[in-house]
Protein backbone atom coordinates (compact mmCIF):
# COMPACT_ATOMS: atom_id res chain seq x y z
CA UNK A 1 174.12 274.05 49.21
CA UNK A 2 175.56 274.28 52.70
CA UNK A 3 173.11 276.91 53.80
CA UNK A 4 170.28 274.43 53.55
CA UNK A 5 171.73 272.29 56.29
CA UNK A 6 171.15 274.59 59.02
CA UNK A 7 171.22 273.24 62.70
CA UNK A 8 170.83 276.38 64.74
CA UNK A 9 167.97 278.78 64.74
CA UNK A 10 167.97 282.45 65.06
CA UNK A 11 166.68 283.91 68.30
CA UNK A 12 166.06 287.62 68.51
CA UNK A 13 167.40 289.71 71.39
CA UNK A 14 163.92 290.13 72.80
CA UNK A 15 163.07 286.41 72.85
CA UNK A 16 161.14 285.33 75.97
CA UNK A 17 160.25 281.52 76.17
CA UNK A 18 157.72 282.28 78.88
CA UNK A 19 155.64 283.88 76.39
CA UNK A 20 155.33 280.77 74.28
CA UNK A 21 152.00 279.16 74.98
CA UNK A 22 152.13 275.58 76.38
CA UNK A 23 149.88 272.62 75.05
CA UNK A 24 147.49 271.30 77.58
CA UNK A 25 147.36 267.59 76.87
CA UNK A 26 145.30 265.01 78.85
CA UNK A 27 147.13 262.91 81.39
CA UNK A 28 145.65 259.66 79.91
CA UNK A 29 146.70 260.43 76.34
CA UNK A 30 147.41 257.30 74.18
CA UNK A 31 150.34 257.05 71.96
CA UNK A 32 150.72 254.56 69.02
CA UNK A 33 153.88 252.54 69.50
CA UNK A 34 155.26 249.34 67.80
CA UNK A 35 155.93 246.50 70.26
CA UNK A 36 156.27 242.84 70.54
CA UNK A 37 154.12 240.47 72.61
CA UNK A 38 155.99 239.98 75.87
CA UNK A 39 154.68 236.38 76.48
CA UNK A 40 152.70 233.65 75.03
CA UNK A 41 149.00 234.21 75.27
CA UNK A 42 145.65 232.81 73.99
CA UNK A 43 142.61 234.90 73.04
CA UNK A 44 139.63 234.40 75.04
CA UNK A 45 137.23 235.18 72.28
CA UNK A 46 138.32 232.82 69.46
CA UNK A 47 141.14 230.81 71.08
CA UNK A 48 143.74 231.94 68.77
CA UNK A 49 147.37 231.48 70.09
CA UNK A 50 149.67 234.53 70.10
CA UNK A 51 153.27 233.53 70.46
CA UNK A 52 155.90 235.61 72.26
CA UNK A 53 157.73 238.11 69.94
CA UNK A 54 154.86 238.77 67.57
CA UNK A 55 154.80 242.44 66.43
CA UNK A 56 151.84 244.71 66.94
CA UNK A 57 150.86 248.30 66.54
CA UNK A 58 149.68 248.95 70.09
CA UNK A 59 148.27 251.95 71.89
CA UNK A 60 150.12 252.91 75.00
CA UNK A 61 148.79 255.01 77.97
CA UNK A 62 149.83 255.81 81.50
CA UNK A 63 147.93 254.03 84.30
CA UNK A 64 146.27 256.64 86.57
CA UNK A 65 146.72 256.34 90.30
CA UNK A 66 149.28 253.36 90.17
CA UNK A 67 152.90 253.95 91.00
CA UNK A 68 155.63 251.54 92.28
CA UNK A 69 158.37 253.37 94.15
CA UNK A 70 157.60 256.56 92.10
CA UNK A 71 157.72 254.59 88.80
CA UNK A 72 154.72 254.98 86.35
CA UNK A 73 152.90 252.01 85.17
CA UNK A 74 151.97 251.72 81.46
CA UNK A 75 149.07 249.97 79.72
CA UNK A 76 149.16 248.53 76.14
CA UNK A 77 146.12 247.76 73.91
CA UNK A 78 146.55 245.33 71.01
CA UNK A 79 144.18 243.41 68.78
CA UNK A 80 143.78 239.71 68.18
CA UNK A 81 145.17 238.65 64.91
CA UNK A 82 142.15 236.45 64.05
CA UNK A 83 138.98 238.07 65.52
CA UNK A 84 140.35 241.64 66.20
CA UNK A 85 139.28 241.44 69.94
CA UNK A 86 140.95 243.92 72.20
CA UNK A 87 143.74 242.59 74.49
CA UNK A 88 145.25 244.72 77.23
CA UNK A 89 148.40 244.06 79.56
CA UNK A 90 150.47 246.40 81.63
CA UNK A 91 153.89 246.62 82.97
CA UNK A 92 154.81 245.02 86.39
CA UNK A 93 158.07 246.68 87.75
CA UNK A 94 157.72 244.98 91.01
CA UNK A 95 158.43 241.53 89.33
CA UNK A 96 160.24 242.91 86.31
CA UNK A 97 157.64 241.41 84.05
CA UNK A 98 154.26 242.11 82.33
CA UNK A 99 150.88 241.31 83.88
CA UNK A 100 147.94 240.12 81.77
CA UNK A 101 144.86 242.33 82.23
CA UNK A 102 142.00 241.67 79.82
CA UNK A 103 141.02 239.66 76.71
CA UNK A 104 143.42 236.84 76.94
CA UNK A 105 145.10 234.24 79.23
CA UNK A 106 148.71 233.87 79.60
CA UNK A 107 150.36 230.43 78.86
CA UNK A 108 153.10 228.70 80.59
CA UNK A 109 152.37 230.60 83.95
CA UNK A 110 152.32 227.61 86.28
CA UNK A 111 155.78 228.30 87.75
CA UNK A 112 154.89 231.82 88.43
CA UNK A 113 151.57 230.84 90.14
CA UNK A 114 153.37 228.31 92.24
CA UNK A 115 155.90 230.95 93.31
CA UNK A 116 153.20 233.33 94.26
CA UNK A 117 151.37 230.60 96.17
CA UNK A 118 154.45 229.88 98.22
CA UNK A 119 155.09 233.49 99.01
CA UNK A 120 151.43 233.85 100.18
CA UNK A 121 151.74 230.78 102.58
CA UNK A 122 155.01 232.05 103.92
CA UNK A 123 153.54 235.44 104.42
CA UNK A 124 150.63 234.01 106.40
CA UNK A 125 152.79 231.91 108.50
CA UNK A 126 154.93 234.74 109.53
CA UNK A 127 151.86 236.82 110.42
CA UNK A 128 150.57 233.89 112.63
CA UNK A 129 153.87 233.44 114.47
CA UNK A 130 154.17 237.13 115.08
CA UNK A 131 151.62 237.25 117.84
CA UNK A 132 151.32 233.48 118.77
CA UNK A 133 154.32 231.81 120.54
CA UNK A 134 152.33 228.36 120.59
CA UNK A 135 152.02 228.64 116.84
CA UNK A 136 155.76 229.04 116.66
CA UNK A 137 156.35 225.85 118.69
CA UNK A 138 153.77 223.88 116.58
CA UNK A 139 155.30 224.94 113.42
CA UNK A 140 158.83 223.94 114.61
CA UNK A 141 157.55 220.49 115.63
CA UNK A 142 155.99 220.02 112.23
CA UNK A 143 159.25 221.00 110.63
CA UNK A 144 161.33 218.56 112.70
CA UNK A 145 158.87 215.71 111.88
CA UNK A 146 159.02 216.52 108.15
CA UNK A 147 162.72 216.62 108.38
CA UNK A 148 162.86 213.18 110.06
CA UNK A 149 160.67 211.78 107.23
CA UNK A 150 162.94 213.25 104.57
CA UNK A 151 166.04 211.74 106.18
CA UNK A 152 164.20 208.28 106.42
CA UNK A 153 163.31 208.44 102.74
CA UNK A 154 166.90 209.47 101.83
CA UNK A 155 168.12 206.52 103.73
CA UNK A 156 165.95 204.13 101.92
CA UNK A 157 167.06 205.53 98.68
CA UNK A 158 170.68 205.01 99.72
CA UNK A 159 169.96 201.29 100.80
CA UNK A 160 168.16 200.72 97.56
CA UNK A 161 171.11 202.14 95.58
CA UNK A 162 173.54 199.91 97.45
CA UNK A 163 171.48 196.91 96.84
CA UNK A 164 171.52 197.60 93.19
CA UNK A 165 175.26 198.37 93.36
CA UNK A 166 175.85 194.74 94.57
CA UNK A 167 174.56 193.25 91.45
CA UNK A 168 177.45 191.71 89.50
CA UNK A 169 176.93 193.08 86.03
CA UNK A 170 180.15 191.47 84.80
CA UNK A 171 178.99 188.15 86.06
CA UNK A 172 175.59 188.59 84.30
CA UNK A 173 177.33 189.52 81.10
CA UNK A 174 179.60 186.46 81.42
CA UNK A 175 176.72 184.21 82.10
CA UNK A 176 174.96 185.53 78.98
CA UNK A 177 177.92 184.90 76.78
CA UNK A 178 178.31 181.37 78.13
CA UNK A 179 174.64 180.72 77.26
CA UNK A 180 175.28 182.05 73.79
CA UNK A 181 178.16 179.81 73.39
CA UNK A 182 176.16 176.80 74.48
CA UNK A 183 173.47 177.70 72.02
CA UNK A 184 175.80 178.02 69.20
CA UNK A 185 177.59 174.64 70.00
CA UNK A 186 174.09 172.97 70.11
CA UNK A 187 173.11 174.40 66.81
CA UNK A 188 176.38 173.29 65.41
CA UNK A 189 175.97 169.82 66.62
CA UNK A 190 172.31 169.76 65.23
CA UNK A 191 173.73 170.91 61.76
CA UNK A 192 176.44 168.24 61.82
CA UNK A 193 173.90 165.50 62.76
CA UNK A 194 171.34 166.37 60.15
CA UNK A 195 174.37 166.53 57.61
CA UNK A 196 175.49 163.09 58.68
CA UNK A 197 172.02 161.70 58.42
CA UNK A 198 171.69 163.19 54.88
CA UNK A 199 174.99 161.58 53.77
CA UNK A 200 173.89 158.25 55.27
CA UNK A 201 170.59 158.32 53.35
CA UNK A 202 172.52 159.13 50.22
CA UNK A 203 175.02 156.33 50.80
CA UNK A 204 172.38 153.75 51.65
CA UNK A 205 170.48 154.78 48.48
CA UNK A 206 173.62 154.43 46.32
CA UNK A 207 174.29 150.88 47.87
CA UNK A 208 170.72 149.87 47.11
CA UNK A 209 171.16 151.02 43.34
CA UNK A 210 174.32 149.13 43.08
CA UNK A 211 172.87 145.98 44.51
CA UNK A 212 169.99 146.20 42.09
CA UNK A 213 172.34 146.71 39.20
CA UNK A 214 174.38 143.69 40.35
CA UNK A 215 171.30 141.60 40.62
CA UNK A 216 170.15 142.55 37.17
CA UNK A 217 173.56 141.70 35.72
CA UNK A 218 173.52 138.28 37.34
CA UNK A 219 169.93 137.49 36.37
CA UNK A 220 170.69 138.05 32.69
CA UNK A 221 171.99 134.81 30.91
CA UNK A 222 175.38 135.31 29.12
CA UNK A 223 174.29 134.29 25.75
CA UNK A 224 176.13 135.04 22.62
CA UNK A 225 175.03 134.67 19.08
CA UNK A 226 176.37 131.85 17.10
CA UNK A 227 177.26 134.17 14.36
CA UNK A 228 179.70 136.16 16.52
CA UNK A 229 183.06 134.72 16.13
CA UNK A 230 184.90 134.81 19.68
CA UNK A 231 188.41 133.94 20.47
CA UNK A 232 187.35 130.64 22.26
CA UNK A 233 185.03 129.44 19.55
CA UNK A 234 187.54 127.01 18.28
CA UNK A 235 187.82 125.37 21.71
CA UNK A 236 184.09 124.78 22.10
CA UNK A 237 182.34 121.78 20.81
CA UNK A 238 179.16 119.82 21.87
CA UNK A 239 178.93 116.14 22.37
CA UNK A 240 176.87 114.81 19.50
CA UNK A 241 174.16 112.44 20.65
CA UNK A 242 174.53 108.74 19.58
CA UNK A 243 172.83 107.87 16.43
CA UNK A 244 172.86 111.37 14.97
CA UNK A 245 175.02 113.35 12.65
CA UNK A 246 177.49 116.13 13.29
CA UNK A 247 175.80 118.93 11.30
CA UNK A 248 175.85 122.39 12.72
CA UNK A 249 171.96 122.55 12.97
CA UNK A 250 171.72 119.40 14.95
CA UNK A 251 174.42 120.08 17.52
CA UNK A 252 173.02 120.63 21.04
CA UNK A 253 174.85 122.29 23.95
CA UNK A 254 175.93 120.03 26.62
CA UNK A 255 175.61 120.71 30.36
CA UNK A 256 178.53 123.12 31.47
CA UNK A 257 181.16 121.82 33.78
CA UNK A 258 182.52 123.75 36.87
CA UNK A 259 185.64 124.64 35.01
CA UNK A 260 183.64 125.98 32.05
CA UNK A 261 181.76 128.51 34.41
CA UNK A 262 185.01 130.32 35.12
CA UNK A 263 186.54 130.19 31.59
CA UNK A 264 183.41 130.37 29.51
CA UNK A 265 181.13 127.95 27.90
CA UNK A 266 182.17 126.18 24.77
CA UNK A 267 179.79 126.93 21.88
CA UNK A 268 179.67 124.72 18.75
CA UNK A 269 178.44 127.56 16.55
CA UNK A 270 181.95 128.58 15.37
CA UNK A 271 183.74 127.73 12.10
CA UNK A 272 185.98 125.18 13.70
CA UNK A 273 183.64 123.96 16.44
CA UNK A 274 183.24 120.60 14.88
CA UNK A 275 187.08 119.85 15.10
CA UNK A 276 187.23 119.87 18.93
CA UNK A 277 186.01 116.55 20.43
CA UNK A 278 185.09 115.92 24.04
CA UNK A 279 186.27 112.86 25.85
CA UNK A 280 183.68 110.31 26.34
CA UNK A 281 183.14 109.00 29.76
CA UNK A 282 184.47 105.54 30.58
CA UNK A 283 182.10 102.58 29.76
CA UNK A 284 180.84 100.29 32.51
CA UNK A 285 183.30 97.43 31.35
CA UNK A 286 186.44 99.60 32.29
CA UNK A 287 187.65 100.07 28.77
CA UNK A 288 189.52 103.28 28.01
CA UNK A 289 187.60 105.65 25.75
CA UNK A 290 188.44 105.76 22.07
CA UNK A 291 189.22 109.14 20.63
CA UNK A 292 186.90 109.77 17.80
CA UNK A 293 186.08 112.78 15.69
CA UNK A 294 182.85 114.79 15.82
CA UNK A 295 181.76 113.05 12.64
CA UNK A 296 180.62 109.40 12.25
CA UNK A 297 183.10 106.72 10.92
CA UNK A 298 181.17 106.30 7.69
CA UNK A 299 182.74 107.94 4.56
CA UNK A 300 179.31 109.53 3.71
CA UNK A 301 179.21 111.37 7.05
CA UNK A 302 182.75 112.39 6.92
CA UNK A 303 182.22 113.90 3.52
CA UNK A 304 179.18 115.78 4.82
CA UNK A 305 180.96 117.15 7.62
CA UNK A 306 183.80 118.19 5.63
CA UNK A 307 181.56 119.96 3.39
CA UNK A 308 179.83 121.70 6.32
CA UNK A 309 183.23 122.86 7.69
CA UNK A 310 184.18 124.29 4.35
CA UNK A 311 180.75 125.96 3.82
CA UNK A 312 180.93 127.66 7.44
CA UNK A 313 184.42 128.88 6.83
CA UNK A 314 183.40 130.50 3.51
CA UNK A 315 180.53 132.32 5.03
CA UNK A 316 182.95 134.42 7.35
CA UNK A 317 185.26 137.25 6.21
CA UNK A 318 187.50 134.98 4.23
CA UNK A 319 188.85 131.35 5.11
CA UNK A 320 191.72 131.38 7.37
CA UNK A 321 194.57 128.92 7.04
CA UNK A 322 193.93 127.30 10.38
CA UNK A 323 190.31 126.38 9.27
CA UNK A 324 191.76 124.86 6.05
CA UNK A 325 194.37 122.98 8.00
CA UNK A 326 191.70 121.56 10.28
CA UNK A 327 189.48 120.59 7.49
CA UNK A 328 192.36 118.90 5.81
CA UNK A 329 193.44 117.05 8.79
CA UNK A 330 189.97 115.87 9.55
CA UNK A 331 189.40 114.66 6.10
CA UNK A 332 192.62 112.71 6.22
CA UNK A 333 191.74 111.08 9.49
CA UNK A 334 188.32 110.17 8.22
CA UNK A 335 189.74 108.56 5.06
CA UNK A 336 192.39 106.79 6.90
CA UNK A 337 189.73 105.26 9.16
């Protein structure tokens, strides 16, 4: 199959290339080429933005009667992607760029326009100075004045920078830190003061509650039931009033003495309360008091008191030997009298 891959053609010996007819193509013939948009543009018809690098199937032609240093200039035709309006631009070999021609406006062209304006002003100035020496002197004076203004502005900027350089930033930071430290100390003192006030209020409240409890305890009378048998019941006895018996129901509590407040009052409700006898105060005649028992001297009263003592002793949890001994001694003393 190598014969199919022929690269050379056969030319007969009598071949004459001058005899081959040439195609007569027009000079403004257009070719279809594939290209990318050389710059950002905006369609004038619909306002669609066409970004740089977008691909188009464009028609290319040679611009007639335009050359730059013998180089031809080409024109390209593209269509808007939205409204299909025709947009044209051509090459600019003088500025090594492309120039917008019709159908759209070029974006981001401010820098280029400014450069073109500067070039135009410079060209006009050179044309004026070429034939007018006074214009040259005037332009030099303006340039000198502008240069002096620029130097003055530069000096002002330097002074301003020096003034700002004199600012002690370290000192400012230190003062700010000192201010923060003072604020923290003040907040800490306020917190401590508030805590102290709260503790004082709680302490005062506790003291008041304690005082109220103490007052309540002192205000309540220390009374004990006669049925409760205390350890000092045997030492308590009431003085029987004159002319009355010594029964447990008829015994009345005498006024407490100072020593009884510290030790405790002597109650006559116990089992052996009738055995303890108080000393009678001395009579007006100066005679010493005679020790008597709680019962009267009559045999009938002594028997009644003995019966009461034995009855009260039996009502408790068993009769003790001490109560029996007291009752026995009381009965003997009463009988002996």
